[in-house]
Structures are given as C-alpha cells and as structure tokens.
Amino acid sequence: MVPCYYRGCDNEADTKEHVPPKAFFPKDQRNQLLTVPSCKSHNNSKTNDDTYVLAHICMNASPSNGAREIFTQKILPQLGYNESVFRKMLLKGSERYDNGTVRYRVDVERFDDFFTALSMGIVYKACDNQLPESYSIAHIYHNFKDDNETPEYRALKESISRLYSGTPMHFLDFGELDARNEKIYSVKVFGMPEFRSSITVDHLFFGIFRVTSMLSKK
C-alpha cells in the first residue's frame, strides 16, 4: 500500500495531490506540476483554502511576474458566484485609504493550514517519507504586516528571509526538488537528510511572496 503524504495518515494513497495546488498554474503549464501520493480526504479537504490563499498571494504579488494573470484567470471568476460570497469574505475587515490602496485582513489560521499541508507535501516529495509526528510546524509570512509586531520580531523576519534566500549548504541539503515553473513557485528545503535535524522550507511565489515554514524537531 502506498501511504498518503500527510503525516499521521494511514489511509491508502489512491489519488495524487499537487504541491502547490494546480489552481496556482495556468492550464497549459499543469504538466510541470509536482505531485505526491494522497488519500482522497487530504486531497479534497482544502480546496476552499487553496482559492483563499491564492487570492491573497496574487493581491500581494500583483502585478509582477504573472500574478495578475493568475488572479484574472483563477480568482476573478469566483468573485461573483453564489451572491458574491467569496468577494464579501475577502473584503471583510478591509480598509481603504485615500490614495486608493486597500488593506485586507487575512485569516492566518487558513494560511497556516494551507502551508502546513504544502510543507508536508514538499518534504514527502524530497525524501519519499511522511514528516514524523515529532516535528512542530510554524510559518513566517514575510509579506504580511501586523500592527502588533514588535521591532525585534520584524528584524527577525528580515534576518530569516536573508538567511534562507541562498543555496543550502551541502550538509543541510535535505533533498532535491524539481520545481519546474519557478516563475510562479520556487522552493528550497534546508535540513539534514533522514530527519536528523529541524527542517526549513522556503516558499517563494511569483518571485515576491515569501513564506518560511519552520519544521522544528522536538
């Protein structure tokens, strides 16, 4: 039996999960996507989160490097469906400024769920193994601004962004990943092979939107 990529899941992997989801890519580029074995439950349970996260990534990255095109193709058609429920959800709590810019409120819990699953998929793709239960997972969203952030935490985010923007040193080269459409998504995995250390997954969307996932070995 082929196991599901999601840690702790004992279900048979009877389908494939795209990492990141295929909704992030144009239809003519889906042959370039990374996939991992998945059970149906973990493949289908987060479709709404995929769309929500993609919308915010595009809004933070646009107009650079194709983000506007993806937003137009994938998100814009969703905004008017079902009495504009999705549009209202994105606008809830937003603030519009005199210069025309809009500040959107983000559901960080939904982002955390999305990037936890994505990080598990990337780890599985790199080593053909589930992430062990002994790891805790946290995410740093470098493009988001929080009014409650301390200057110290802001400086820490900047330091982490610089630290993990380079190539992993040979002893921290957890595994090779062929992310073939780096214009939309690129990823680096830092950590000792065979789960001998904590792991850092550095995600970059559209060359602009960066998320650092810290998988800490307990």
Protein backbone atom coordinates (compact mmCIF):
# COMPACT_ATOMS: atom_id res chain seq x y z
CA MET A 1 0.00 0.00 0.00
CA VAL A 2 1.32 3.45 -0.93
CA PRO A 3 0.94 5.80 2.08
CA CYS A 4 -0.61 9.25 1.94
CA TYR A 5 1.84 12.17 2.10
CA TYR A 6 0.06 13.75 5.10
CA ARG A 7 1.80 12.88 8.34
CA GLY A 8 -0.03 10.52 10.65
CA CYS A 9 -2.42 9.43 7.88
CA ASP A 10 -2.71 5.66 7.45
CA ASN A 11 -5.14 5.81 4.53
CA GLU A 12 -4.16 4.39 1.18
CA ALA A 13 -2.99 6.98 -1.33
CA ASP A 14 -5.48 6.37 -4.12
CA THR A 15 -5.01 9.78 -5.78
CA LYS A 16 -2.37 12.47 -6.23
CA GLU A 17 -2.05 15.86 -4.56
CA HIS A 18 -0.42 18.76 -6.40
CA VAL A 19 2.18 20.74 -4.43
CA PRO A 20 1.34 23.57 -4.69
CA PRO A 21 -2.24 23.08 -5.98
CA LYS A 22 -2.82 23.08 -9.73
CA ALA A 23 -5.09 26.15 -9.33
CA PHE A 24 -1.90 28.18 -8.91
CA PHE A 25 -0.82 27.48 -12.50
CA PRO A 26 -2.20 28.20 -15.99
CA LYS A 27 -3.88 25.23 -17.65
CA ASP A 28 -1.19 24.96 -20.33
CA GLN A 29 1.52 24.52 -17.67
CA ARG A 30 -0.02 21.82 -15.49
CA ASN A 31 2.29 19.17 -16.92
CA GLN A 32 5.04 20.89 -14.92
CA LEU A 33 3.45 20.34 -11.52
CA LEU A 34 4.89 18.40 -8.59
CA THR A 35 2.64 15.66 -7.19
CA VAL A 36 2.67 13.42 -4.11
CA PRO A 37 0.51 10.38 -3.29
CA SER A 38 -2.58 11.34 -1.30
CA CYS A 39 -5.75 9.83 0.08
CA LYS A 40 -8.98 11.35 -1.20
CA SER A 41 -9.69 13.01 2.13
CA HIS A 42 -6.47 15.03 2.25
CA ASN A 43 -6.67 15.81 -1.46
CA ASN A 44 -10.19 17.25 -1.39
CA SER A 45 -10.50 18.73 2.11
CA LYS A 46 -8.78 22.06 1.48
CA THR A 47 -10.00 23.27 -1.91
CA ASN A 48 -11.58 26.39 -0.42
CA ASP A 49 -8.36 27.22 1.44
CA ASP A 50 -6.41 26.86 -1.83
CA THR A 51 -8.52 29.53 -3.52
CA TYR A 52 -8.45 31.83 -0.49
CA VAL A 53 -4.66 31.64 -0.15
CA LEU A 54 -4.10 32.08 -3.88
CA ALA A 55 -6.25 35.23 -3.90
CA HIS A 56 -4.21 36.86 -1.15
CA ILE A 57 -0.88 35.80 -2.65
CA CYS A 58 -1.88 37.30 -6.01
CA MET A 59 -3.07 40.52 -4.40
CA ASN A 60 0.23 40.84 -2.54
CA ALA A 61 2.36 39.97 -5.59
CA SER A 62 0.47 41.71 -8.42
CA PRO A 63 1.27 42.99 -10.96
CA SER A 64 4.67 41.32 -11.04
CA ASN A 65 5.66 38.07 -12.70
CA GLY A 66 2.26 36.72 -13.76
CA ALA A 67 0.34 37.19 -10.52
CA ARG A 68 -2.20 39.48 -12.18
CA GLU A 69 -2.75 36.95 -14.96
CA ILE A 70 -3.38 34.13 -12.48
CA PHE A 71 -5.74 36.34 -10.45
CA THR A 72 -7.71 37.18 -13.60
CA GLN A 73 -7.92 33.53 -14.69
CA LYS A 74 -8.46 31.80 -11.36
CA ILE A 75 -9.87 34.25 -8.81
CA LEU A 76 -11.86 36.86 -10.71
CA PRO A 77 -14.46 34.35 -12.00
CA GLN A 78 -15.07 33.20 -8.41
CA LEU A 79 -15.91 36.65 -7.06
CA GLY A 80 -19.43 36.82 -8.48
CA TYR A 81 -20.59 33.27 -7.70
CA ASN A 82 -23.17 32.44 -5.04
CA GLU A 83 -24.22 36.04 -4.36
CA SER A 84 -20.57 37.16 -4.23
CA VAL A 85 -19.86 35.23 -1.02
CA PHE A 86 -16.16 34.89 -1.80
CA ARG A 87 -15.80 38.59 -2.67
CA LYS A 88 -17.51 39.58 0.59
CA MET A 89 -15.22 37.23 2.54
CA LEU A 90 -12.09 38.81 1.03
CA LEU A 91 -13.39 42.32 1.72
CA LYS A 92 -14.47 41.63 5.31
CA GLY A 93 -12.46 43.82 7.66
CA SER A 94 -10.59 45.55 4.83
CA GLU A 95 -9.59 49.22 4.97
CA ARG A 96 -9.49 51.59 2.01
CA TYR A 97 -7.12 54.54 2.06
CA ASP A 98 -7.36 57.96 0.40
CA ASN A 99 -4.76 57.03 -2.23
CA GLY A 100 -6.96 54.15 -3.42
CA THR A 101 -5.00 51.29 -1.88
CA VAL A 102 -6.77 48.63 0.15
CA ARG A 103 -5.51 46.79 3.21
CA TYR A 104 -7.04 43.31 3.50
CA ARG A 105 -7.49 41.32 6.69
CA VAL A 106 -6.03 37.80 6.46
CA ASP A 107 -7.28 34.65 8.15
CA VAL A 108 -3.88 33.39 9.36
CA GLU A 109 -5.35 30.08 10.55
CA ARG A 110 -6.37 29.23 6.98
CA PHE A 111 -2.91 30.20 5.75
CA ASP A 112 -1.32 28.02 8.42
CA ASP A 113 -3.44 25.02 7.40
CA PHE A 114 -2.52 25.54 3.75
CA PHE A 115 1.23 25.91 4.32
CA THR A 116 1.35 23.04 6.80
CA ALA A 117 -0.10 20.72 4.15
CA LEU A 118 2.14 22.20 1.44
CA SER A 119 5.26 21.76 3.59
CA MET A 120 4.32 18.14 4.30
CA GLY A 121 3.95 17.59 0.57
CA ILE A 122 7.30 19.19 -0.20
CA VAL A 123 9.04 17.10 2.47
CA TYR A 124 7.44 13.93 1.12
CA LYS A 125 8.47 14.84 -2.42
CA ALA A 126 12.05 15.40 -1.29
CA CYS A 127 12.51 12.12 0.59
CA ASP A 128 9.52 9.81 -0.12
CA ASN A 129 8.57 9.79 3.54
CA GLN A 130 5.96 11.40 5.77
CA LEU A 131 7.13 14.12 8.12
CA PRO A 132 7.42 12.45 11.57
CA GLU A 133 4.97 13.35 14.31
CA SER A 134 7.90 14.61 16.42
CA TYR A 135 8.06 17.86 14.41
CA SER A 136 6.18 21.05 15.27
CA ILE A 137 5.32 23.43 12.42
CA ALA A 138 5.17 27.23 12.30
CA HIS A 139 5.13 29.69 9.40
CA ILE A 140 6.54 33.18 8.87
CA TYR A 141 4.70 35.37 6.33
CA HIS A 142 7.23 37.94 5.20
CA ASN A 143 4.81 39.99 3.08
CA PHE A 144 2.14 40.44 5.74
CA LYS A 145 2.16 43.34 8.15
CA ASP A 146 0.84 43.06 11.69
CA ASP A 147 0.32 46.22 13.72
CA ASN A 148 1.17 44.23 16.85
CA GLU A 149 4.58 43.09 15.59
CA THR A 150 7.48 44.24 17.69
CA PRO A 151 10.56 45.78 16.02
CA GLU A 152 12.53 42.76 17.26
CA TYR A 153 10.21 40.30 15.52
CA ARG A 154 10.27 42.39 12.34
CA ALA A 155 14.07 42.30 12.37
CA LEU A 156 13.97 38.53 12.95
CA LYS A 157 11.74 38.07 9.90
CA GLU A 158 14.17 40.06 7.76
CA SER A 159 17.13 38.03 9.03
CA ILE A 160 15.38 34.74 8.30
CA SER A 161 14.44 35.92 4.81
CA ARG A 162 18.09 36.73 4.05
CA LEU A 163 19.40 33.54 5.64
CA TYR A 164 17.21 31.18 3.62
CA SER A 165 17.32 33.01 0.29
CA GLY A 166 20.61 31.33 -0.62
CA THR A 167 21.53 27.77 -1.60
CA PRO A 168 21.54 25.18 1.21
CA MET A 169 24.98 24.13 2.43
CA HIS A 170 25.79 20.55 1.48
CA PHE A 171 25.13 19.11 4.95
CA LEU A 172 21.73 20.88 5.08
CA ASP A 173 20.66 19.75 1.61
CA PHE A 174 17.59 17.77 2.65
CA GLY A 175 16.65 16.71 -0.89
CA GLU A 176 16.39 17.80 -4.48
CA LEU A 177 13.14 19.21 -5.84
CA ASP A 178 12.47 19.93 -9.49
CA ALA A 179 10.07 22.87 -9.21
CA ARG A 180 9.85 23.40 -12.94
CA ASN A 181 7.88 26.62 -13.02
CA GLU A 182 9.91 28.92 -10.80
CA LYS A 183 8.23 31.96 -12.32
CA ILE A 184 5.20 31.03 -10.22
CA TYR A 185 6.65 28.90 -7.40
CA SER A 186 10.12 28.00 -6.21
CA VAL A 187 11.10 26.15 -3.05
CA LYS A 188 14.22 25.29 -1.07
CA VAL A 189 14.48 22.75 1.72
CA PHE A 190 17.15 23.14 4.42
CA GLY A 191 17.84 20.29 6.81
CA MET A 192 19.96 17.22 7.37
CA PRO A 193 18.78 14.17 5.39
CA GLU A 194 16.83 11.34 7.04
CA PHE A 195 15.18 13.72 9.53
CA ARG A 196 18.36 14.20 11.57
CA SER A 197 17.63 17.87 12.22
CA SER A 198 14.96 20.53 12.12
CA ILE A 199 13.84 21.45 8.61
CA THR A 200 13.16 24.81 6.98
CA VAL A 201 11.07 25.09 3.81
CA ASP A 202 11.42 28.40 1.99
CA HIS A 203 8.49 29.06 -0.40
CA LEU A 204 8.57 31.85 -2.97
CA PHE A 205 5.57 32.72 -5.18
CA PHE A 206 5.85 34.96 -8.25
CA GLY A 207 9.35 35.95 -7.14
CA ILE A 208 7.83 38.20 -4.45
CA PHE A 209 5.62 36.46 -1.89
CA ARG A 210 7.83 34.58 0.59
CA VAL A 211 6.80 32.18 3.34
CA THR A 212 9.29 30.39 5.59
CA SER A 213 7.98 27.19 7.16
CA MET A 214 9.89 26.15 10.28
CA LEU A 215 9.60 22.41 10.97
CA SER A 216 11.21 22.06 14.38
CA LYS A 217 12.32 18.70 15.67
CA LYS A 218 11.17 18.28 19.25
